[in-house]
Amino acid sequence: MNKVLFIIIGTLIISHAAAQDGSNISYHEPNNLDHSLIGKYCHIDFGKESFRGQAIDTIEINVNGQDMKFYEHRTDNGFNNWFNRQYLIRIGDKNHLSTRLQNSLIDSLTPNRIYVTSTLSYYTNEAPIDSITVFQHWYDRKKISKVLIKN
């Protein structure tokens, strides 16, 4: 009897541990940001809220004098929400090259804008290549639905 009870309890503990969700993201309203978030990594959800990939929006961002159009890549699903899986993908890349805007760091906040320093990473067939572009830009708070902060 003790052996059966031990097996049942062990099975319950193992299945419960295996079913744990994970997240390293906190979600913030764009108008509720404060200076404690300066220096934190963020992902900006612009347009309609894109949680669970339900609404994929596009945005044009000036990267060192060149306008580039991006769309959202979101995989946070309410159970497993990992910051490094949320990024923007450039539209119009050629020759099997993929450009991702990721790792945006909040530099400063004003009532109307969020200023960030972001990294463009380049991939060929989903493998990163040894080159990045770091640049500064800003987002208009009126066009933001959520700000995802890396915990």
N, C-alpha and C. Protein backbone atom coordinates (compact mmCIF):
# COMPACT_ATOMS: atom_id res chain seq x y z
N MET A 1 0.82 -1.19 0.00
CA MET A 1 0.00 0.00 0.00
C MET A 1 0.87 1.26 0.00
N ASN A 2 1.91 1.28 0.84
CA ASN A 2 2.81 2.43 0.89
C ASN A 2 3.53 2.64 -0.44
N LYS A 3 3.89 1.55 -1.10
CA LYS A 3 4.58 1.64 -2.38
C LYS A 3 3.66 2.26 -3.44
N VAL A 4 2.40 1.87 -3.48
CA VAL A 4 1.44 2.42 -4.43
C VAL A 4 1.22 3.91 -4.16
N LEU A 5 1.05 4.27 -2.90
CA LEU A 5 0.86 5.66 -2.52
C LEU A 5 2.08 6.49 -2.90
N PHE A 6 3.27 5.96 -2.68
CA PHE A 6 4.50 6.64 -3.04
C PHE A 6 4.57 6.87 -4.55
N ILE A 7 4.20 5.88 -5.35
CA ILE A 7 4.21 5.99 -6.81
C ILE A 7 3.21 7.05 -7.26
N ILE A 8 2.01 7.05 -6.68
CA ILE A 8 0.99 8.03 -7.05
C ILE A 8 1.46 9.45 -6.72
N ILE A 9 1.97 9.65 -5.54
CA ILE A 9 2.44 10.98 -5.14
C ILE A 9 3.63 11.41 -6.00
N GLY A 10 4.55 10.49 -6.26
CA GLY A 10 5.69 10.80 -7.11
C GLY A 10 5.26 11.19 -8.51
N THR A 11 4.29 10.47 -9.08
CA THR A 11 3.78 10.78 -10.41
C THR A 11 3.13 12.16 -10.43
N LEU A 12 2.35 12.48 -9.42
CA LEU A 12 1.70 13.79 -9.35
C LEU A 12 2.73 14.92 -9.26
N ILE A 13 3.76 14.73 -8.45
CA ILE A 13 4.79 15.76 -8.31
C ILE A 13 5.53 15.96 -9.62
N ILE A 14 5.91 14.87 -10.28
CA ILE A 14 6.64 14.97 -11.54
C ILE A 14 5.78 15.61 -12.62
N SER A 15 4.51 15.22 -12.72
CA SER A 15 3.65 15.81 -13.76
C SER A 15 3.37 17.27 -13.48
N HIS A 16 3.26 17.64 -12.21
CA HIS A 16 3.04 19.04 -11.87
C HIS A 16 4.27 19.87 -12.21
N ALA A 17 5.45 19.36 -11.91
CA ALA A 17 6.69 20.08 -12.21
C ALA A 17 6.89 20.23 -13.71
N ALA A 18 6.54 19.22 -14.47
CA ALA A 18 6.70 19.27 -15.92
C ALA A 18 5.70 20.23 -16.56
N ALA A 19 4.59 20.52 -15.90
CA ALA A 19 3.55 21.37 -16.47
C ALA A 19 3.73 22.83 -16.08
N GLN A 20 4.78 23.18 -15.36
CA GLN A 20 4.98 24.57 -14.94
C GLN A 20 5.20 25.46 -16.14
N ASP A 21 4.57 26.60 -16.11
CA ASP A 21 4.73 27.60 -17.14
C ASP A 21 5.98 28.42 -16.84
N GLY A 22 6.42 29.18 -17.83
CA GLY A 22 7.58 30.01 -17.62
C GLY A 22 7.40 31.36 -18.28
N SER A 23 8.03 32.36 -17.71
CA SER A 23 7.99 33.69 -18.29
C SER A 23 9.11 34.53 -17.73
N ASN A 24 9.69 35.34 -18.58
CA ASN A 24 10.63 36.35 -18.11
C ASN A 24 10.24 37.72 -18.69
N ILE A 25 8.93 37.93 -18.85
CA ILE A 25 8.39 39.16 -19.41
C ILE A 25 7.38 39.75 -18.44
N SER A 26 7.43 41.08 -18.26
CA SER A 26 6.34 41.79 -17.61
C SER A 26 5.75 42.75 -18.64
N TYR A 27 4.44 42.93 -18.58
CA TYR A 27 3.71 43.72 -19.57
C TYR A 27 3.30 45.06 -18.94
N HIS A 28 3.55 46.17 -19.67
CA HIS A 28 3.27 47.50 -19.15
C HIS A 28 2.47 48.31 -20.16
N GLU A 29 1.57 49.12 -19.64
CA GLU A 29 0.85 50.08 -20.47
C GLU A 29 1.83 51.20 -20.84
N PRO A 30 1.77 51.71 -22.08
CA PRO A 30 2.74 52.73 -22.50
C PRO A 30 2.68 54.01 -21.67
N ASN A 31 1.52 54.35 -21.14
CA ASN A 31 1.40 55.58 -20.35
C ASN A 31 1.74 55.37 -18.88
N ASN A 32 2.02 54.14 -18.46
CA ASN A 32 2.35 53.85 -17.07
C ASN A 32 3.83 53.56 -16.87
N LEU A 33 4.66 53.88 -17.84
CA LEU A 33 6.09 53.64 -17.71
C LEU A 33 6.71 54.71 -16.82
N ASP A 34 7.68 54.29 -16.01
CA ASP A 34 8.37 55.28 -15.19
C ASP A 34 9.88 55.12 -15.37
N HIS A 35 10.64 56.02 -14.77
CA HIS A 35 12.08 56.05 -14.97
C HIS A 35 12.81 54.84 -14.40
N SER A 36 12.14 54.01 -13.61
CA SER A 36 12.79 52.79 -13.11
C SER A 36 13.04 51.78 -14.25
N LEU A 37 12.38 51.98 -15.40
CA LEU A 37 12.55 51.07 -16.53
C LEU A 37 13.69 51.48 -17.47
N ILE A 38 14.26 52.66 -17.25
CA ILE A 38 15.39 53.09 -18.07
C ILE A 38 16.56 52.13 -17.83
N GLY A 39 17.16 51.67 -18.93
CA GLY A 39 18.24 50.70 -18.84
C GLY A 39 17.77 49.26 -18.92
N LYS A 40 16.46 49.04 -19.03
CA LYS A 40 15.90 47.69 -19.15
C LYS A 40 15.68 47.35 -20.62
N TYR A 41 15.76 46.05 -20.92
CA TYR A 41 15.45 45.59 -22.27
C TYR A 41 13.94 45.53 -22.46
N CYS A 42 13.50 45.94 -23.66
CA CYS A 42 12.06 45.97 -23.93
C CYS A 42 11.77 45.48 -25.34
N HIS A 43 10.54 45.12 -25.55
CA HIS A 43 9.99 44.87 -26.88
C HIS A 43 8.72 45.69 -26.95
N ILE A 44 8.57 46.46 -28.01
CA ILE A 44 7.42 47.34 -28.15
C ILE A 44 6.36 46.64 -28.99
N ASP A 45 5.16 46.51 -28.43
CA ASP A 45 4.01 45.99 -29.17
C ASP A 45 3.23 47.20 -29.65
N PHE A 46 3.32 47.47 -30.92
CA PHE A 46 2.68 48.65 -31.50
C PHE A 46 1.41 48.25 -32.23
N GLY A 47 0.58 49.23 -32.53
CA GLY A 47 -0.69 48.95 -33.22
C GLY A 47 -1.64 48.24 -32.28
N LYS A 48 -2.27 47.18 -32.76
CA LYS A 48 -3.17 46.38 -31.93
C LYS A 48 -2.35 45.42 -31.07
N GLU A 49 -2.88 45.08 -29.90
CA GLU A 49 -2.18 44.16 -29.02
C GLU A 49 -1.97 42.82 -29.72
N SER A 50 -0.73 42.34 -29.72
CA SER A 50 -0.36 41.14 -30.49
C SER A 50 -0.14 39.92 -29.63
N PHE A 51 -0.62 39.92 -28.41
CA PHE A 51 -0.46 38.77 -27.52
C PHE A 51 -0.99 37.51 -28.20
N ARG A 52 -0.26 36.43 -28.09
CA ARG A 52 -0.58 35.14 -28.72
C ARG A 52 -0.56 35.22 -30.25
N GLY A 53 0.09 36.26 -30.79
CA GLY A 53 0.22 36.39 -32.23
C GLY A 53 -1.09 36.66 -32.94
N GLN A 54 -2.10 37.13 -32.22
CA GLN A 54 -3.42 37.32 -32.82
C GLN A 54 -3.47 38.48 -33.80
N ALA A 55 -2.71 39.54 -33.55
CA ALA A 55 -2.70 40.70 -34.46
C ALA A 55 -1.25 41.01 -34.77
N ILE A 56 -0.86 40.79 -36.00
CA ILE A 56 0.50 41.07 -36.41
C ILE A 56 0.49 42.38 -37.18
N ASP A 57 1.18 43.37 -36.62
CA ASP A 57 1.22 44.70 -37.22
C ASP A 57 2.57 44.92 -37.89
N THR A 58 2.62 45.97 -38.72
CA THR A 58 3.88 46.37 -39.34
C THR A 58 4.21 47.80 -38.91
N ILE A 59 5.48 48.13 -38.98
CA ILE A 59 5.95 49.46 -38.61
C ILE A 59 7.16 49.79 -39.47
N GLU A 60 7.33 51.08 -39.76
CA GLU A 60 8.50 51.54 -40.47
C GLU A 60 9.40 52.26 -39.46
N ILE A 61 10.68 51.89 -39.45
CA ILE A 61 11.65 52.45 -38.51
C ILE A 61 12.85 52.95 -39.30
N ASN A 62 13.31 54.14 -38.96
CA ASN A 62 14.49 54.69 -39.59
C ASN A 62 15.73 54.12 -38.91
N VAL A 63 16.51 53.39 -39.69
CA VAL A 63 17.74 52.78 -39.19
C VAL A 63 18.91 53.48 -39.85
N ASN A 64 19.56 54.35 -39.10
CA ASN A 64 20.73 55.08 -39.59
C ASN A 64 20.47 55.74 -40.94
N GLY A 65 19.32 56.40 -41.06
CA GLY A 65 18.99 57.14 -42.29
C GLY A 65 18.24 56.34 -43.34
N GLN A 66 18.02 55.07 -43.12
CA GLN A 66 17.30 54.23 -44.09
C GLN A 66 16.01 53.73 -43.46
N ASP A 67 14.87 53.99 -44.12
CA ASP A 67 13.60 53.50 -43.62
C ASP A 67 13.47 52.01 -43.91
N MET A 68 13.16 51.25 -42.86
CA MET A 68 12.97 49.80 -43.00
C MET A 68 11.62 49.44 -42.42
N LYS A 69 10.92 48.53 -43.10
CA LYS A 69 9.61 48.08 -42.64
C LYS A 69 9.77 46.72 -41.96
N PHE A 70 9.10 46.57 -40.80
CA PHE A 70 9.18 45.36 -40.00
C PHE A 70 7.78 44.85 -39.66
N TYR A 71 7.68 43.55 -39.40
CA TYR A 71 6.46 42.98 -38.84
C TYR A 71 6.81 42.27 -37.54
N GLU A 72 5.79 42.10 -36.70
CA GLU A 72 5.99 41.52 -35.38
C GLU A 72 6.10 40.00 -35.41
N HIS A 73 7.01 39.49 -34.63
CA HIS A 73 7.13 38.04 -34.39
C HIS A 73 6.89 37.85 -32.90
N ARG A 74 5.75 37.28 -32.55
CA ARG A 74 5.38 37.10 -31.15
C ARG A 74 5.06 35.64 -30.89
N THR A 75 5.64 35.10 -29.83
CA THR A 75 5.34 33.72 -29.46
C THR A 75 4.86 33.60 -28.02
N ASP A 76 4.67 34.74 -27.33
CA ASP A 76 4.15 34.65 -25.96
C ASP A 76 2.71 34.20 -26.04
N ASN A 77 2.38 33.16 -25.29
CA ASN A 77 1.08 32.51 -25.45
C ASN A 77 0.29 32.40 -24.14
N GLY A 78 0.74 33.05 -23.10
CA GLY A 78 0.06 32.96 -21.82
C GLY A 78 0.60 31.85 -20.93
N PHE A 79 1.42 30.97 -21.48
CA PHE A 79 2.00 29.86 -20.71
C PHE A 79 3.52 29.95 -20.68
N ASN A 80 4.11 30.11 -21.85
CA ASN A 80 5.56 30.23 -21.97
C ASN A 80 5.87 31.53 -22.68
N ASN A 81 6.33 32.50 -21.92
CA ASN A 81 6.54 33.85 -22.44
C ASN A 81 8.00 34.24 -22.26
N TRP A 82 8.79 33.98 -23.29
CA TRP A 82 10.23 34.22 -23.21
C TRP A 82 10.60 35.43 -24.05
N PHE A 83 11.29 36.36 -23.42
CA PHE A 83 11.61 37.64 -24.05
C PHE A 83 12.37 37.47 -25.37
N ASN A 84 13.35 36.59 -25.41
CA ASN A 84 14.17 36.45 -26.62
C ASN A 84 13.41 35.88 -27.81
N ARG A 85 12.18 35.46 -27.63
CA ARG A 85 11.37 34.95 -28.75
C ARG A 85 10.43 36.02 -29.32
N GLN A 86 10.52 37.25 -28.81
CA GLN A 86 9.70 38.36 -29.30
C GLN A 86 10.64 39.33 -30.03
N TYR A 87 10.38 39.58 -31.29
CA TYR A 87 11.24 40.50 -32.05
C TYR A 87 10.50 40.95 -33.29
N LEU A 88 11.12 41.85 -34.04
CA LEU A 88 10.57 42.33 -35.31
C LEU A 88 11.41 41.73 -36.44
N ILE A 89 10.75 41.43 -37.56
CA ILE A 89 11.44 40.87 -38.74
C ILE A 89 11.28 41.86 -39.88
N ARG A 90 12.38 42.17 -40.51
CA ARG A 90 12.36 43.12 -41.63
C ARG A 90 11.64 42.51 -42.83
N ILE A 91 10.80 43.31 -43.44
CA ILE A 91 10.10 42.92 -44.67
C ILE A 91 10.98 43.31 -45.85
N GLY A 92 11.14 42.41 -46.80
CA GLY A 92 11.87 42.72 -48.02
C GLY A 92 13.31 42.29 -48.04
N ASP A 93 13.75 41.49 -47.08
CA ASP A 93 15.11 40.96 -47.13
C ASP A 93 15.24 40.02 -48.33
N LYS A 94 16.45 39.93 -48.86
CA LYS A 94 16.70 39.11 -50.04
C LYS A 94 17.83 38.11 -49.78
N ASN A 95 17.99 37.16 -50.69
CA ASN A 95 19.10 36.20 -50.68
C ASN A 95 19.17 35.40 -49.38
N HIS A 96 18.04 34.90 -48.91
CA HIS A 96 17.97 34.06 -47.72
C HIS A 96 18.43 34.78 -46.46
N LEU A 97 18.53 36.11 -46.51
CA LEU A 97 18.93 36.89 -45.35
C LEU A 97 17.68 37.33 -44.59
N SER A 98 17.73 37.23 -43.29
CA SER A 98 16.64 37.68 -42.42
C SER A 98 17.23 38.67 -41.43
N THR A 99 16.58 39.82 -41.29
CA THR A 99 17.02 40.84 -40.35
C THR A 99 16.02 40.93 -39.22
N ARG A 100 16.50 40.85 -37.99
CA ARG A 100 15.63 40.92 -36.82
C ARG A 100 16.02 42.10 -35.95
N LEU A 101 15.03 42.86 -35.54
CA LEU A 101 15.25 43.93 -34.57
C LEU A 101 14.96 43.34 -33.21
N GLN A 102 15.97 43.29 -32.36
CA GLN A 102 15.82 42.69 -31.05
C GLN A 102 16.70 43.42 -30.05
N ASN A 103 16.53 43.10 -28.80
CA ASN A 103 17.34 43.66 -27.73
C ASN A 103 17.31 45.18 -27.69
N SER A 104 16.12 45.76 -27.63
CA SER A 104 15.99 47.21 -27.48
C SER A 104 16.13 47.57 -26.01
N LEU A 105 16.95 48.56 -25.75
CA LEU A 105 17.23 49.02 -24.39
C LEU A 105 16.62 50.41 -24.23
N ILE A 106 15.83 50.62 -23.17
CA ILE A 106 15.20 51.91 -22.96
C ILE A 106 16.26 52.92 -22.51
N ASP A 107 16.41 53.99 -23.31
CA ASP A 107 17.37 55.05 -23.01
C ASP A 107 16.74 56.17 -22.19
N SER A 108 15.55 56.59 -22.61
CA SER A 108 14.87 57.67 -21.90
C SER A 108 13.39 57.67 -22.25
N LEU A 109 12.63 58.40 -21.44
CA LEU A 109 11.18 58.49 -21.60
C LEU A 109 10.76 59.95 -21.55
N THR A 110 9.87 60.33 -22.46
CA THR A 110 9.22 61.63 -22.40
C THR A 110 7.72 61.36 -22.38
N PRO A 111 6.91 62.36 -22.15
CA PRO A 111 5.46 62.11 -22.16
C PRO A 111 4.94 61.54 -23.48
N ASN A 112 5.62 61.81 -24.59
CA ASN A 112 5.13 61.37 -25.90
C ASN A 112 5.93 60.24 -26.55
N ARG A 113 7.15 60.01 -26.08
CA ARG A 113 8.03 59.06 -26.77
C ARG A 113 8.79 58.16 -25.80
N ILE A 114 9.18 57.00 -26.38
CA ILE A 114 10.09 56.07 -25.70
C ILE A 114 11.33 55.98 -26.59
N TYR A 115 12.48 56.39 -26.06
CA TYR A 115 13.73 56.36 -26.80
C TYR A 115 14.49 55.08 -26.44
N VAL A 116 14.95 54.38 -27.49
CA VAL A 116 15.63 53.10 -27.29
C VAL A 116 16.89 53.00 -28.15
N THR A 117 17.78 52.11 -27.72
CA THR A 117 18.89 51.67 -28.54
C THR A 117 18.61 50.22 -28.87
N SER A 118 18.57 49.90 -30.16
CA SER A 118 18.19 48.55 -30.61
C SER A 118 19.33 47.91 -31.40
N THR A 119 19.23 46.61 -31.52
CA THR A 119 20.20 45.82 -32.28
C THR A 119 19.49 45.12 -33.43
N LEU A 120 20.06 45.26 -34.62
CA LEU A 120 19.63 44.45 -35.76
C LEU A 120 20.59 43.26 -35.84
N SER A 121 20.03 42.07 -35.83
CA SER A 121 20.81 40.84 -36.00
C SER A 121 20.44 40.23 -37.33
N TYR A 122 21.39 39.59 -37.97
CA TYR A 122 21.18 39.04 -39.31
C TYR A 122 21.30 37.52 -39.28
N TYR A 123 20.43 36.89 -40.05
CA TYR A 123 20.37 35.43 -40.08
C TYR A 123 20.34 34.96 -41.53
N THR A 124 20.99 33.83 -41.77
CA THR A 124 20.89 33.13 -43.04
C THR A 124 20.35 31.75 -42.74
N ASN A 125 19.19 31.41 -43.31
CA ASN A 125 18.54 30.12 -43.06
C ASN A 125 18.42 29.84 -41.55
N GLU A 126 17.99 30.83 -40.80
CA GLU A 126 17.77 30.76 -39.35
C GLU A 126 19.04 30.65 -38.52
N ALA A 127 20.21 30.71 -39.14
CA ALA A 127 21.47 30.69 -38.41
C ALA A 127 22.02 32.11 -38.35
N PRO A 128 22.39 32.59 -37.15
CA PRO A 128 22.90 33.96 -37.06
C PRO A 128 24.26 34.10 -37.76
N ILE A 129 24.44 35.26 -38.40
CA ILE A 129 25.75 35.55 -38.97
C ILE A 129 26.45 36.52 -38.04
N ASP A 130 27.73 36.64 -38.19
CA ASP A 130 28.57 37.38 -37.26
C ASP A 130 28.59 38.87 -37.61
N SER A 131 27.41 39.50 -37.57
CA SER A 131 27.33 40.92 -37.87
C SER A 131 26.07 41.48 -37.21
N ILE A 132 26.17 42.67 -36.65
CA ILE A 132 25.01 43.34 -36.06
C ILE A 132 25.08 44.82 -36.39
N THR A 133 23.96 45.50 -36.25
CA THR A 133 23.88 46.95 -36.36
C THR A 133 23.21 47.46 -35.11
N VAL A 134 23.85 48.38 -34.41
CA VAL A 134 23.28 49.00 -33.21
C VAL A 134 22.89 50.42 -33.59
N PHE A 135 21.67 50.83 -33.25
CA PHE A 135 21.21 52.16 -33.61
C PHE A 135 20.20 52.67 -32.59
N GLN A 136 19.98 53.98 -32.59
CA GLN A 136 19.02 54.60 -31.69
C GLN A 136 17.81 55.07 -32.48
N HIS A 137 16.64 54.95 -31.84
CA HIS A 137 15.40 55.41 -32.45
C HIS A 137 14.37 55.61 -31.36
N TRP A 138 13.14 55.95 -31.73
CA TRP A 138 12.09 56.17 -30.74
C TRP A 138 10.76 55.66 -31.26
N TYR A 139 9.85 55.48 -30.30
CA TYR A 139 8.47 55.08 -30.59
C TYR A 139 7.53 56.14 -30.02
N ASP A 140 6.48 56.41 -30.75
CA ASP A 140 5.43 57.31 -30.30
C ASP A 140 4.52 56.54 -29.35
N ARG A 141 4.36 57.01 -28.12
CA ARG A 141 3.55 56.29 -27.13
C ARG A 141 2.11 56.08 -27.58
N LYS A 142 1.57 56.98 -28.39
CA LYS A 142 0.18 56.86 -28.85
C LYS A 142 -0.03 55.64 -29.75
N LYS A 143 1.04 55.15 -30.37
CA LYS A 143 0.93 54.03 -31.30
C LYS A 143 1.31 52.70 -30.65
N ILE A 144 1.54 52.71 -29.35
CA ILE A 144 1.98 51.50 -28.63
C ILE A 144 0.81 50.91 -27.86
N SER A 145 0.64 49.59 -27.95
CA SER A 145 -0.41 48.94 -27.16
C SER A 145 0.16 48.38 -25.86
N LYS A 146 1.37 47.82 -25.88
CA LYS A 146 2.02 47.28 -24.67
C LYS A 146 3.53 47.43 -24.81
N VAL A 147 4.18 47.50 -23.66
CA VAL A 147 5.64 47.45 -23.62
C VAL A 147 6.01 46.21 -22.81
N LEU A 148 6.75 45.30 -23.44
CA LEU A 148 7.19 44.08 -22.79
C LEU A 148 8.57 44.33 -22.22
N ILE A 149 8.74 44.10 -20.94
CA ILE A 149 10.01 44.33 -20.26
C ILE A 149 10.61 42.99 -19.86
N LYS A 150 11.90 42.83 -20.15
CA LYS A 150 12.59 41.59 -19.76
C LYS A 150 12.85 41.62 -18.27
N ASN A 151 12.40 40.59 -17.55
CA ASN A 151 12.64 40.49 -16.11
C ASN A 151 14.00 39.90 -15.82
